[in-house]
């Protein structure tokens, strides 16, 4: 067991779980490729290329611009502009934006009303998906704002209360 841990770098349980996940992925791949094998392979290659060549540079550039904007604002507000800048605040925008865009990506045919006859099959009106997605997005950003306020409040409370600064030492 110690030899496995030394070679693998984690516990044997972790190794077993990774093996099981590979087996499950392999089984799903075999089942998936039984149908339209060429079409599925083209879809996977196209999705990988679209992600790597278009989406990754796009959201990396957007994230860098947002980080620079937050960094400039923080430097303007602080007394010591050359001091370290904490970039953790950007995560309170990143996380709800990521979840909202992921939901839009998964449900865009329904949100943008691209599925004709959806109401006939399910009995649900198709016009409410956009409203629900917008409400969910607003709720995600509101929850993130509450988390940011709590984090700021806890940081503010954790600072020691400094009274008046001590008087300068008297010259001899």
N, C-alpha and C. Protein backbone atom coordinates (compact mmCIF):
# COMPACT_ATOMS: atom_id res chain seq x y z
N UNK A 1 0.82 -1.20 0.00
CA UNK A 1 0.00 0.00 0.00
C UNK A 1 0.86 1.26 0.00
N UNK A 2 1.95 1.25 0.77
CA UNK A 2 2.81 2.43 0.83
C UNK A 2 3.49 2.65 -0.51
N UNK A 3 3.81 1.56 -1.21
CA UNK A 3 4.42 1.69 -2.53
C UNK A 3 3.47 2.34 -3.53
N UNK A 4 2.18 1.95 -3.47
CA UNK A 4 1.18 2.55 -4.34
C UNK A 4 1.02 4.03 -4.01
N UNK A 5 0.95 4.33 -2.73
CA UNK A 5 0.79 5.72 -2.32
C UNK A 5 1.99 6.57 -2.74
N UNK A 6 3.20 5.98 -2.65
CA UNK A 6 4.40 6.72 -3.04
C UNK A 6 4.44 6.95 -4.55
N UNK A 7 4.02 5.95 -5.32
CA UNK A 7 4.02 6.10 -6.78
C UNK A 7 2.86 6.96 -7.27
N UNK A 8 1.68 6.73 -6.73
CA UNK A 8 0.47 7.42 -7.21
C UNK A 8 0.34 8.81 -6.60
N UNK A 9 0.68 8.97 -5.35
CA UNK A 9 0.62 10.28 -4.71
C UNK A 9 -0.65 10.54 -3.93
N UNK A 10 -1.56 9.60 -3.91
CA UNK A 10 -2.80 9.76 -3.15
C UNK A 10 -3.16 8.41 -2.54
N UNK A 11 -4.29 8.40 -1.85
CA UNK A 11 -4.70 7.18 -1.14
C UNK A 11 -5.18 6.11 -2.13
N UNK A 12 -5.17 4.85 -1.74
CA UNK A 12 -5.68 3.78 -2.60
C UNK A 12 -7.17 3.97 -2.93
N UNK A 13 -7.93 4.54 -2.01
CA UNK A 13 -9.34 4.80 -2.29
C UNK A 13 -9.49 5.79 -3.44
N UNK A 14 -8.66 6.81 -3.47
CA UNK A 14 -8.68 7.78 -4.57
C UNK A 14 -8.35 7.09 -5.89
N UNK A 15 -7.34 6.23 -5.87
CA UNK A 15 -6.95 5.47 -7.05
C UNK A 15 -8.11 4.60 -7.55
N UNK A 16 -8.80 3.94 -6.63
CA UNK A 16 -9.94 3.10 -6.99
C UNK A 16 -11.07 3.92 -7.59
N UNK A 17 -11.34 5.09 -7.01
CA UNK A 17 -12.40 5.95 -7.55
C UNK A 17 -12.06 6.47 -8.94
N UNK A 18 -10.79 6.80 -9.18
CA UNK A 18 -10.38 7.25 -10.51
C UNK A 18 -10.53 6.11 -11.51
N UNK A 19 -10.13 4.90 -11.14
CA UNK A 19 -10.31 3.75 -12.03
C UNK A 19 -11.79 3.51 -12.35
N UNK A 20 -12.64 3.60 -11.33
CA UNK A 20 -14.08 3.42 -11.55
C UNK A 20 -14.64 4.51 -12.47
N UNK A 21 -14.18 5.74 -12.32
CA UNK A 21 -14.68 6.81 -13.19
C UNK A 21 -14.24 6.59 -14.63
N UNK A 22 -12.99 6.09 -14.82
CA UNK A 22 -12.55 5.77 -16.18
C UNK A 22 -13.37 4.62 -16.77
N UNK A 23 -13.67 3.62 -15.98
CA UNK A 23 -14.51 2.51 -16.46
C UNK A 23 -15.90 3.00 -16.85
N UNK A 24 -16.48 3.86 -16.02
CA UNK A 24 -17.80 4.40 -16.32
C UNK A 24 -17.77 5.25 -17.59
N UNK A 25 -16.74 6.08 -17.73
CA UNK A 25 -16.62 6.90 -18.94
C UNK A 25 -16.42 6.02 -20.17
N UNK A 26 -15.63 4.96 -20.05
CA UNK A 26 -15.43 4.05 -21.16
C UNK A 26 -16.72 3.35 -21.55
N UNK A 27 -17.48 2.91 -20.57
CA UNK A 27 -18.76 2.26 -20.83
C UNK A 27 -19.72 3.23 -21.53
N UNK A 28 -19.78 4.45 -21.04
CA UNK A 28 -20.66 5.45 -21.65
C UNK A 28 -20.21 5.74 -23.07
N UNK A 29 -18.89 5.81 -23.29
CA UNK A 29 -18.39 6.06 -24.64
C UNK A 29 -18.74 4.94 -25.61
N UNK A 30 -18.60 3.70 -25.15
CA UNK A 30 -18.96 2.56 -26.01
C UNK A 30 -20.44 2.57 -26.34
N UNK A 31 -21.27 2.84 -25.34
CA UNK A 31 -22.73 2.90 -25.57
C UNK A 31 -23.10 4.06 -26.50
N UNK A 32 -22.41 5.17 -26.33
CA UNK A 32 -22.70 6.36 -27.13
C UNK A 32 -22.30 6.15 -28.58
N UNK A 33 -21.18 5.49 -28.80
CA UNK A 33 -20.68 5.31 -30.16
C UNK A 33 -21.37 4.20 -30.92
N UNK A 34 -22.34 3.51 -30.32
CA UNK A 34 -23.07 2.46 -31.03
C UNK A 34 -23.98 3.05 -32.11
N UNK A 35 -24.42 4.28 -31.91
CA UNK A 35 -25.33 4.92 -32.86
C UNK A 35 -24.56 5.52 -34.03
N UNK A 36 -24.65 6.81 -34.18
CA UNK A 36 -24.00 7.55 -35.25
C UNK A 36 -22.57 7.88 -34.83
N UNK A 37 -21.66 6.94 -35.03
CA UNK A 37 -20.28 7.08 -34.55
C UNK A 37 -19.58 8.28 -35.18
N UNK A 38 -19.67 8.42 -36.48
CA UNK A 38 -18.99 9.52 -37.15
C UNK A 38 -19.55 10.88 -36.72
N UNK A 39 -20.85 10.96 -36.64
CA UNK A 39 -21.48 12.22 -36.22
C UNK A 39 -21.08 12.61 -34.81
N UNK A 40 -21.01 11.65 -33.90
CA UNK A 40 -20.63 11.94 -32.52
C UNK A 40 -19.16 12.35 -32.44
N UNK A 41 -18.30 11.66 -33.18
CA UNK A 41 -16.88 12.03 -33.18
C UNK A 41 -16.67 13.42 -33.77
N UNK A 42 -17.38 13.75 -34.85
CA UNK A 42 -17.30 15.10 -35.43
C UNK A 42 -17.80 16.13 -34.43
N UNK A 43 -18.87 15.81 -33.71
CA UNK A 43 -19.40 16.74 -32.71
C UNK A 43 -18.39 16.97 -31.59
N UNK A 44 -17.76 15.91 -31.09
CA UNK A 44 -16.77 16.06 -30.02
C UNK A 44 -15.55 16.86 -30.49
N UNK A 45 -15.03 16.54 -31.67
CA UNK A 45 -13.88 17.27 -32.19
C UNK A 45 -14.25 18.74 -32.43
N UNK A 46 -15.42 18.97 -33.01
CA UNK A 46 -15.88 20.34 -33.24
C UNK A 46 -16.06 21.11 -31.94
N UNK A 47 -16.64 20.45 -30.93
CA UNK A 47 -16.82 21.11 -29.63
C UNK A 47 -15.49 21.44 -28.98
N UNK A 48 -14.52 20.51 -29.08
CA UNK A 48 -13.20 20.77 -28.50
C UNK A 48 -12.50 21.91 -29.23
N UNK A 49 -12.57 21.92 -30.55
CA UNK A 49 -11.94 23.01 -31.30
C UNK A 49 -12.63 24.34 -31.05
N UNK A 50 -13.96 24.34 -31.01
CA UNK A 50 -14.69 25.57 -30.74
C UNK A 50 -14.35 26.10 -29.36
N UNK A 51 -14.27 25.21 -28.38
CA UNK A 51 -13.92 25.65 -27.03
C UNK A 51 -12.50 26.20 -26.99
N UNK A 52 -11.54 25.44 -27.53
CA UNK A 52 -10.14 25.83 -27.41
C UNK A 52 -9.77 27.04 -28.28
N UNK A 53 -10.38 27.17 -29.43
CA UNK A 53 -9.99 28.25 -30.34
C UNK A 53 -10.86 29.50 -30.23
N UNK A 54 -12.08 29.38 -29.72
CA UNK A 54 -12.97 30.54 -29.66
C UNK A 54 -13.32 30.90 -28.22
N UNK A 55 -13.93 29.97 -27.50
CA UNK A 55 -14.46 30.30 -26.18
C UNK A 55 -13.38 30.54 -25.13
N UNK A 56 -12.34 29.73 -25.10
CA UNK A 56 -11.28 29.90 -24.10
C UNK A 56 -10.61 31.27 -24.23
N UNK A 57 -10.17 31.69 -25.42
CA UNK A 57 -9.60 33.05 -25.50
C UNK A 57 -10.62 34.14 -25.18
N UNK A 58 -11.87 33.92 -25.54
CA UNK A 58 -12.89 34.93 -25.28
C UNK A 58 -13.13 35.11 -23.79
N UNK A 59 -13.33 34.03 -23.04
CA UNK A 59 -13.59 34.24 -21.62
C UNK A 59 -12.32 34.52 -20.83
N UNK A 60 -11.16 34.15 -21.35
CA UNK A 60 -9.91 34.55 -20.69
C UNK A 60 -9.71 36.05 -20.82
N UNK A 61 -9.93 36.59 -22.01
CA UNK A 61 -9.80 38.04 -22.21
C UNK A 61 -10.82 38.80 -21.38
N UNK A 62 -12.04 38.31 -21.32
CA UNK A 62 -13.08 38.96 -20.52
C UNK A 62 -12.71 38.95 -19.04
N UNK A 63 -12.17 37.85 -18.57
CA UNK A 63 -11.77 37.76 -17.17
C UNK A 63 -10.61 38.70 -16.87
N UNK A 64 -9.65 38.79 -17.78
CA UNK A 64 -8.51 39.69 -17.56
C UNK A 64 -8.97 41.15 -17.52
N UNK A 65 -9.88 41.52 -18.41
CA UNK A 65 -10.39 42.90 -18.41
C UNK A 65 -11.12 43.19 -17.10
N UNK A 66 -11.93 42.24 -16.65
CA UNK A 66 -12.65 42.44 -15.38
C UNK A 66 -11.69 42.55 -14.21
N UNK A 67 -10.64 41.74 -14.20
CA UNK A 67 -9.66 41.81 -13.11
C UNK A 67 -8.94 43.15 -13.12
N UNK A 68 -8.59 43.66 -14.30
CA UNK A 68 -7.93 44.97 -14.36
C UNK A 68 -8.84 46.08 -13.89
N UNK A 69 -10.13 46.00 -14.25
CA UNK A 69 -11.07 47.02 -13.79
C UNK A 69 -11.19 47.02 -12.28
N UNK A 70 -11.32 45.83 -11.68
CA UNK A 70 -11.41 45.75 -10.22
C UNK A 70 -10.11 46.21 -9.56
N UNK A 71 -8.98 45.87 -10.17
CA UNK A 71 -7.69 46.25 -9.60
C UNK A 71 -7.52 47.77 -9.62
N UNK A 72 -7.91 48.43 -10.72
CA UNK A 72 -7.79 49.89 -10.79
C UNK A 72 -8.68 50.56 -9.77
N UNK A 73 -9.91 50.10 -9.64
CA UNK A 73 -10.82 50.69 -8.66
C UNK A 73 -10.27 50.54 -7.25
N UNK A 74 -9.73 49.38 -6.95
CA UNK A 74 -9.21 49.15 -5.61
C UNK A 74 -8.00 50.02 -5.34
N UNK A 75 -7.12 50.18 -6.32
CA UNK A 75 -5.93 51.00 -6.13
C UNK A 75 -6.30 52.46 -5.94
N UNK A 76 -7.35 52.93 -6.61
CA UNK A 76 -7.77 54.32 -6.43
C UNK A 76 -8.29 54.56 -5.03
N UNK A 77 -8.97 53.56 -4.45
CA UNK A 77 -9.58 53.73 -3.14
C UNK A 77 -8.61 53.56 -1.98
N UNK A 78 -7.53 52.83 -2.19
CA UNK A 78 -6.63 52.56 -1.07
C UNK A 78 -5.64 53.70 -0.90
N UNK A 79 -5.16 53.85 0.32
CA UNK A 79 -4.20 54.90 0.61
C UNK A 79 -2.83 54.57 0.04
N UNK A 80 -2.52 53.29 -0.05
CA UNK A 80 -1.23 52.87 -0.57
C UNK A 80 -1.44 52.17 -1.90
N UNK A 81 -1.40 52.90 -3.03
CA UNK A 81 -1.69 52.28 -4.32
C UNK A 81 -0.67 51.24 -4.76
N UNK A 82 0.51 51.27 -4.20
CA UNK A 82 1.51 50.29 -4.61
C UNK A 82 1.43 49.00 -3.80
N UNK A 83 0.53 48.95 -2.82
CA UNK A 83 0.38 47.77 -1.98
C UNK A 83 -0.24 46.61 -2.74
N UNK A 84 -0.28 45.45 -2.11
CA UNK A 84 -0.84 44.28 -2.78
C UNK A 84 -2.34 44.43 -3.02
N UNK A 85 -2.79 43.90 -4.12
CA UNK A 85 -4.20 43.96 -4.48
C UNK A 85 -4.76 42.55 -4.40
N UNK A 86 -5.84 42.38 -3.68
CA UNK A 86 -6.48 41.08 -3.55
C UNK A 86 -7.48 40.95 -4.69
N UNK A 87 -7.33 39.89 -5.48
CA UNK A 87 -8.20 39.69 -6.63
C UNK A 87 -9.36 38.76 -6.33
N UNK A 88 -9.58 38.38 -5.08
CA UNK A 88 -10.62 37.42 -4.74
C UNK A 88 -12.03 37.96 -4.93
N UNK A 89 -12.19 39.27 -4.95
CA UNK A 89 -13.51 39.86 -5.11
C UNK A 89 -14.12 39.57 -6.47
N UNK A 90 -13.31 39.32 -7.46
CA UNK A 90 -13.81 39.04 -8.80
C UNK A 90 -14.61 37.75 -8.82
N UNK A 91 -14.34 36.85 -7.89
CA UNK A 91 -15.05 35.57 -7.86
C UNK A 91 -16.53 35.75 -7.54
N UNK A 92 -16.88 36.85 -6.88
CA UNK A 92 -18.28 37.11 -6.59
C UNK A 92 -19.05 37.54 -7.84
N UNK A 93 -18.35 37.83 -8.90
CA UNK A 93 -18.97 38.09 -10.20
C UNK A 93 -18.81 36.87 -11.09
N UNK A 94 -17.64 36.23 -11.02
CA UNK A 94 -17.34 35.08 -11.87
C UNK A 94 -18.32 33.92 -11.68
N UNK A 95 -18.56 33.55 -10.45
CA UNK A 95 -19.35 32.34 -10.17
C UNK A 95 -20.79 32.47 -10.65
N UNK A 96 -21.53 33.54 -10.28
CA UNK A 96 -22.91 33.61 -10.79
C UNK A 96 -22.96 33.80 -12.31
N UNK A 97 -21.98 34.50 -12.88
CA UNK A 97 -21.97 34.66 -14.33
C UNK A 97 -21.74 33.31 -15.01
N UNK A 98 -20.83 32.51 -14.46
CA UNK A 98 -20.55 31.19 -15.03
C UNK A 98 -21.79 30.30 -14.96
N UNK A 99 -22.44 30.27 -13.81
CA UNK A 99 -23.62 29.42 -13.66
C UNK A 99 -24.75 29.88 -14.58
N UNK A 100 -24.96 31.20 -14.66
CA UNK A 100 -26.02 31.72 -15.53
C UNK A 100 -25.73 31.41 -17.00
N UNK A 101 -24.49 31.57 -17.42
CA UNK A 101 -24.15 31.27 -18.81
C UNK A 101 -24.20 29.77 -19.10
N UNK A 102 -23.85 28.96 -18.13
CA UNK A 102 -23.95 27.51 -18.31
C UNK A 102 -25.42 27.10 -18.46
N UNK A 103 -26.29 27.68 -17.64
CA UNK A 103 -27.71 27.39 -17.78
C UNK A 103 -28.24 27.86 -19.13
N UNK A 104 -27.77 29.03 -19.57
CA UNK A 104 -28.19 29.51 -20.89
C UNK A 104 -27.70 28.59 -21.99
N UNK A 105 -26.47 28.10 -21.88
CA UNK A 105 -25.93 27.20 -22.88
C UNK A 105 -26.72 25.90 -22.95
N UNK A 106 -27.10 25.37 -21.81
CA UNK A 106 -27.83 24.10 -21.78
C UNK A 106 -29.27 24.27 -22.24
N UNK A 107 -29.92 25.35 -21.83
CA UNK A 107 -31.34 25.52 -22.08
C UNK A 107 -31.66 26.57 -23.13
N UNK A 108 -30.67 27.00 -23.95
CA UNK A 108 -30.93 28.09 -24.89
C UNK A 108 -32.06 27.82 -25.88
N UNK A 109 -32.26 26.58 -26.34
CA UNK A 109 -33.39 26.41 -27.26
C UNK A 109 -34.73 26.78 -26.62
N UNK A 110 -34.88 26.46 -25.34
CA UNK A 110 -36.13 26.79 -24.66
C UNK A 110 -36.17 28.26 -24.24
N UNK A 111 -35.04 28.79 -23.80
CA UNK A 111 -35.00 30.18 -23.35
C UNK A 111 -35.23 31.12 -24.52
N UNK A 112 -34.66 30.81 -25.67
CA UNK A 112 -34.79 31.67 -26.85
C UNK A 112 -35.94 31.25 -27.76
N UNK A 113 -36.77 30.35 -27.28
CA UNK A 113 -37.96 29.88 -28.01
C UNK A 113 -37.61 29.31 -29.38
N UNK A 114 -36.61 28.45 -29.42
CA UNK A 114 -36.18 27.81 -30.67
C UNK A 114 -36.80 26.43 -30.86
N UNK A 115 -37.65 26.01 -29.95
CA UNK A 115 -38.25 24.68 -30.03
C UNK A 115 -39.72 24.84 -30.36
N UNK A 116 -40.07 24.63 -31.61
CA UNK A 116 -41.49 24.74 -31.95
C UNK A 116 -42.26 23.53 -31.43
N UNK A 117 -43.42 23.77 -30.96
CA UNK A 117 -44.27 22.68 -30.50
C UNK A 117 -43.90 22.13 -29.14
N UNK A 118 -43.07 22.81 -28.40
CA UNK A 118 -42.69 22.33 -27.07
C UNK A 118 -43.91 22.26 -26.17
N UNK A 119 -44.79 23.24 -26.27
CA UNK A 119 -45.99 23.26 -25.43
C UNK A 119 -46.91 22.08 -25.74
N UNK A 120 -46.92 21.64 -26.98
CA UNK A 120 -47.78 20.51 -27.34
C UNK A 120 -47.32 19.23 -26.67
N UNK A 121 -46.01 19.05 -26.54
CA UNK A 121 -45.48 17.82 -25.96
C UNK A 121 -45.53 17.79 -24.44
N UNK A 122 -45.33 18.93 -23.81
CA UNK A 122 -45.21 18.94 -22.36
C UNK A 122 -46.38 19.60 -21.64
N UNK A 123 -47.12 20.42 -22.34
CA UNK A 123 -48.21 21.15 -21.69
C UNK A 123 -47.72 22.38 -20.95
N UNK A 124 -46.43 22.68 -21.02
CA UNK A 124 -45.87 23.87 -20.38
C UNK A 124 -45.80 25.00 -21.40
N UNK A 125 -46.12 26.22 -20.99
CA UNK A 125 -45.99 27.34 -21.93
C UNK A 125 -44.51 27.63 -22.20
N UNK A 126 -44.17 27.90 -23.45
CA UNK A 126 -42.77 28.10 -23.81
C UNK A 126 -42.28 29.50 -23.48
N UNK A 127 -43.16 30.43 -23.21
CA UNK A 127 -42.75 31.80 -22.97
C UNK A 127 -42.16 32.07 -21.60
N UNK A 128 -42.25 31.12 -20.68
CA UNK A 128 -41.81 31.41 -19.32
C UNK A 128 -40.35 31.06 -19.05
N UNK A 129 -39.67 30.40 -19.98
CA UNK A 129 -38.29 29.99 -19.73
C UNK A 129 -37.34 31.18 -19.67
N UNK A 130 -37.55 32.17 -20.52
CA UNK A 130 -36.71 33.36 -20.47
C UNK A 130 -36.90 34.10 -19.16
N UNK A 131 -38.14 34.23 -18.73
CA UNK A 131 -38.42 34.90 -17.45
C UNK A 131 -37.78 34.15 -16.28
N UNK A 132 -37.89 32.83 -16.30
CA UNK A 132 -37.32 32.03 -15.22
C UNK A 132 -35.80 32.12 -15.21
N UNK A 133 -35.19 32.11 -16.40
CA UNK A 133 -33.74 32.20 -16.46
C UNK A 133 -33.27 33.57 -15.96
N UNK A 134 -33.98 34.62 -16.34
CA UNK A 134 -33.62 35.96 -15.86
C UNK A 134 -33.78 36.07 -14.35
N UNK A 135 -34.86 35.52 -13.81
CA UNK A 135 -35.05 35.54 -12.35
C UNK A 135 -33.97 34.72 -11.64
N UNK A 136 -33.63 33.58 -12.19
CA UNK A 136 -32.59 32.75 -11.59
C UNK A 136 -31.23 33.45 -11.65
N UNK A 137 -30.94 34.11 -12.76
CA UNK A 137 -29.70 34.87 -12.88
C UNK A 137 -29.66 36.01 -11.86
N UNK A 138 -30.76 36.72 -11.72
CA UNK A 138 -30.83 37.79 -10.72
C UNK A 138 -30.65 37.24 -9.31
N UNK A 139 -31.25 36.10 -9.03
CA UNK A 139 -31.11 35.48 -7.71
C UNK A 139 -29.67 35.04 -7.46
N UNK A 140 -28.99 34.51 -8.49
CA UNK A 140 -27.59 34.11 -8.33
C UNK A 140 -26.71 35.32 -8.00
N UNK A 141 -26.91 36.42 -8.72
CA UNK A 141 -26.11 37.61 -8.45
C UNK A 141 -26.47 38.22 -7.10
N UNK A 142 -27.74 38.17 -6.71
CA UNK A 142 -28.13 38.69 -5.40
C UNK A 142 -27.51 37.85 -4.28
N UNK A 143 -27.54 36.54 -4.43
CA UNK A 143 -26.92 35.66 -3.42
C UNK A 143 -25.41 35.90 -3.35
N UNK A 144 -24.79 36.12 -4.50
CA UNK A 144 -23.37 36.41 -4.52
C UNK A 144 -23.07 37.76 -3.85
N UNK A 145 -23.94 38.74 -4.06
CA UNK A 145 -23.76 40.04 -3.41
C UNK A 145 -23.90 39.91 -1.90
N UNK A 146 -24.84 39.09 -1.44
CA UNK A 146 -25.00 38.87 0.00
C UNK A 146 -23.74 38.19 0.56
N UNK A 147 -23.21 37.21 -0.17
CA UNK A 147 -21.97 36.54 0.28
C UNK A 147 -20.81 37.53 0.34
N UNK A 148 -20.74 38.43 -0.64
CA UNK A 148 -19.68 39.44 -0.64
C UNK A 148 -19.84 40.39 0.55
N UNK A 149 -21.07 40.80 0.83
CA UNK A 149 -21.30 41.69 1.98
C UNK A 149 -20.93 41.00 3.29
N UNK A 150 -21.27 39.74 3.42
CA UNK A 150 -20.92 38.99 4.64
C UNK A 150 -19.40 38.88 4.75
N UNK A 151 -18.72 38.60 3.63
CA UNK A 151 -17.26 38.50 3.67
C UNK A 151 -16.63 39.84 4.03
N UNK A 152 -17.15 40.93 3.47
CA UNK A 152 -16.63 42.25 3.82
C UNK A 152 -16.88 42.58 5.28
N UNK A 153 -18.05 42.23 5.78
CA UNK A 153 -18.40 42.49 7.18
C UNK A 153 -17.48 41.70 8.11
N UNK A 154 -17.24 40.42 7.77
CA UNK A 154 -16.36 39.61 8.60
C UNK A 154 -14.92 40.13 8.57
N UNK A 155 -14.47 40.60 7.41
CA UNK A 155 -13.13 41.16 7.31
C UNK A 155 -13.03 42.44 8.13
N UNK A 156 -14.06 43.25 8.05
CA UNK A 156 -14.07 44.51 8.80
C UNK A 156 -14.09 44.25 10.30
N UNK A 157 -14.85 43.26 10.73
CA UNK A 157 -14.92 42.93 12.16
C UNK A 157 -13.63 42.31 12.67
N UNK A 158 -12.91 41.60 11.81
CA UNK A 158 -11.70 40.91 12.23
C UNK A 158 -10.53 41.87 12.44
N UNK A 159 -10.59 43.04 11.82
CA UNK A 159 -9.50 44.00 12.00
C UNK A 159 -9.50 44.51 13.43
N UNK A 160 -8.31 44.66 14.01
CA UNK A 160 -8.25 45.20 15.37
C UNK A 160 -8.61 46.68 15.36
N UNK A 161 -9.31 47.09 16.37
CA UNK A 161 -9.69 48.49 16.50
C UNK A 161 -8.45 49.27 16.91
N UNK A 162 -8.02 50.13 16.04
CA UNK A 162 -6.86 50.93 16.40
C UNK A 162 -7.34 52.28 16.91
N UNK A 163 -6.90 52.59 18.08
CA UNK A 163 -7.28 53.87 18.64
C UNK A 163 -6.37 54.93 18.05
N UNK A 164 -6.31 56.07 18.68
CA UNK A 164 -5.46 57.13 18.17
C UNK A 164 -4.03 56.63 18.12
N UNK A 165 -3.29 57.07 17.10
CA UNK A 165 -1.91 56.60 17.00
C UNK A 165 -1.09 57.12 18.17
N UNK A 166 -0.10 56.34 18.60
CA UNK A 166 0.71 56.78 19.74
C UNK A 166 1.47 58.05 19.38
N UNK A 167 1.67 58.90 20.36
CA UNK A 167 2.40 60.15 20.07
C UNK A 167 3.84 59.84 19.69
N UNK A 168 4.44 60.69 18.87
CA UNK A 168 5.84 60.44 18.48
C UNK A 168 6.75 60.56 19.70
N UNK A 169 7.84 59.80 19.70
CA UNK A 169 8.74 59.85 20.85
C UNK A 169 9.38 61.24 20.97
N UNK A 170 9.60 61.63 22.20
CA UNK A 170 10.19 62.95 22.44
C UNK A 170 11.68 62.90 22.15
N UNK A 171 12.16 63.98 21.62
CA UNK A 171 13.61 64.06 21.32
C UNK A 171 14.38 64.32 22.61
N UNK A 172 15.55 63.72 22.79
CA UNK A 172 16.31 63.94 24.04
C UNK A 172 16.94 65.30 24.12
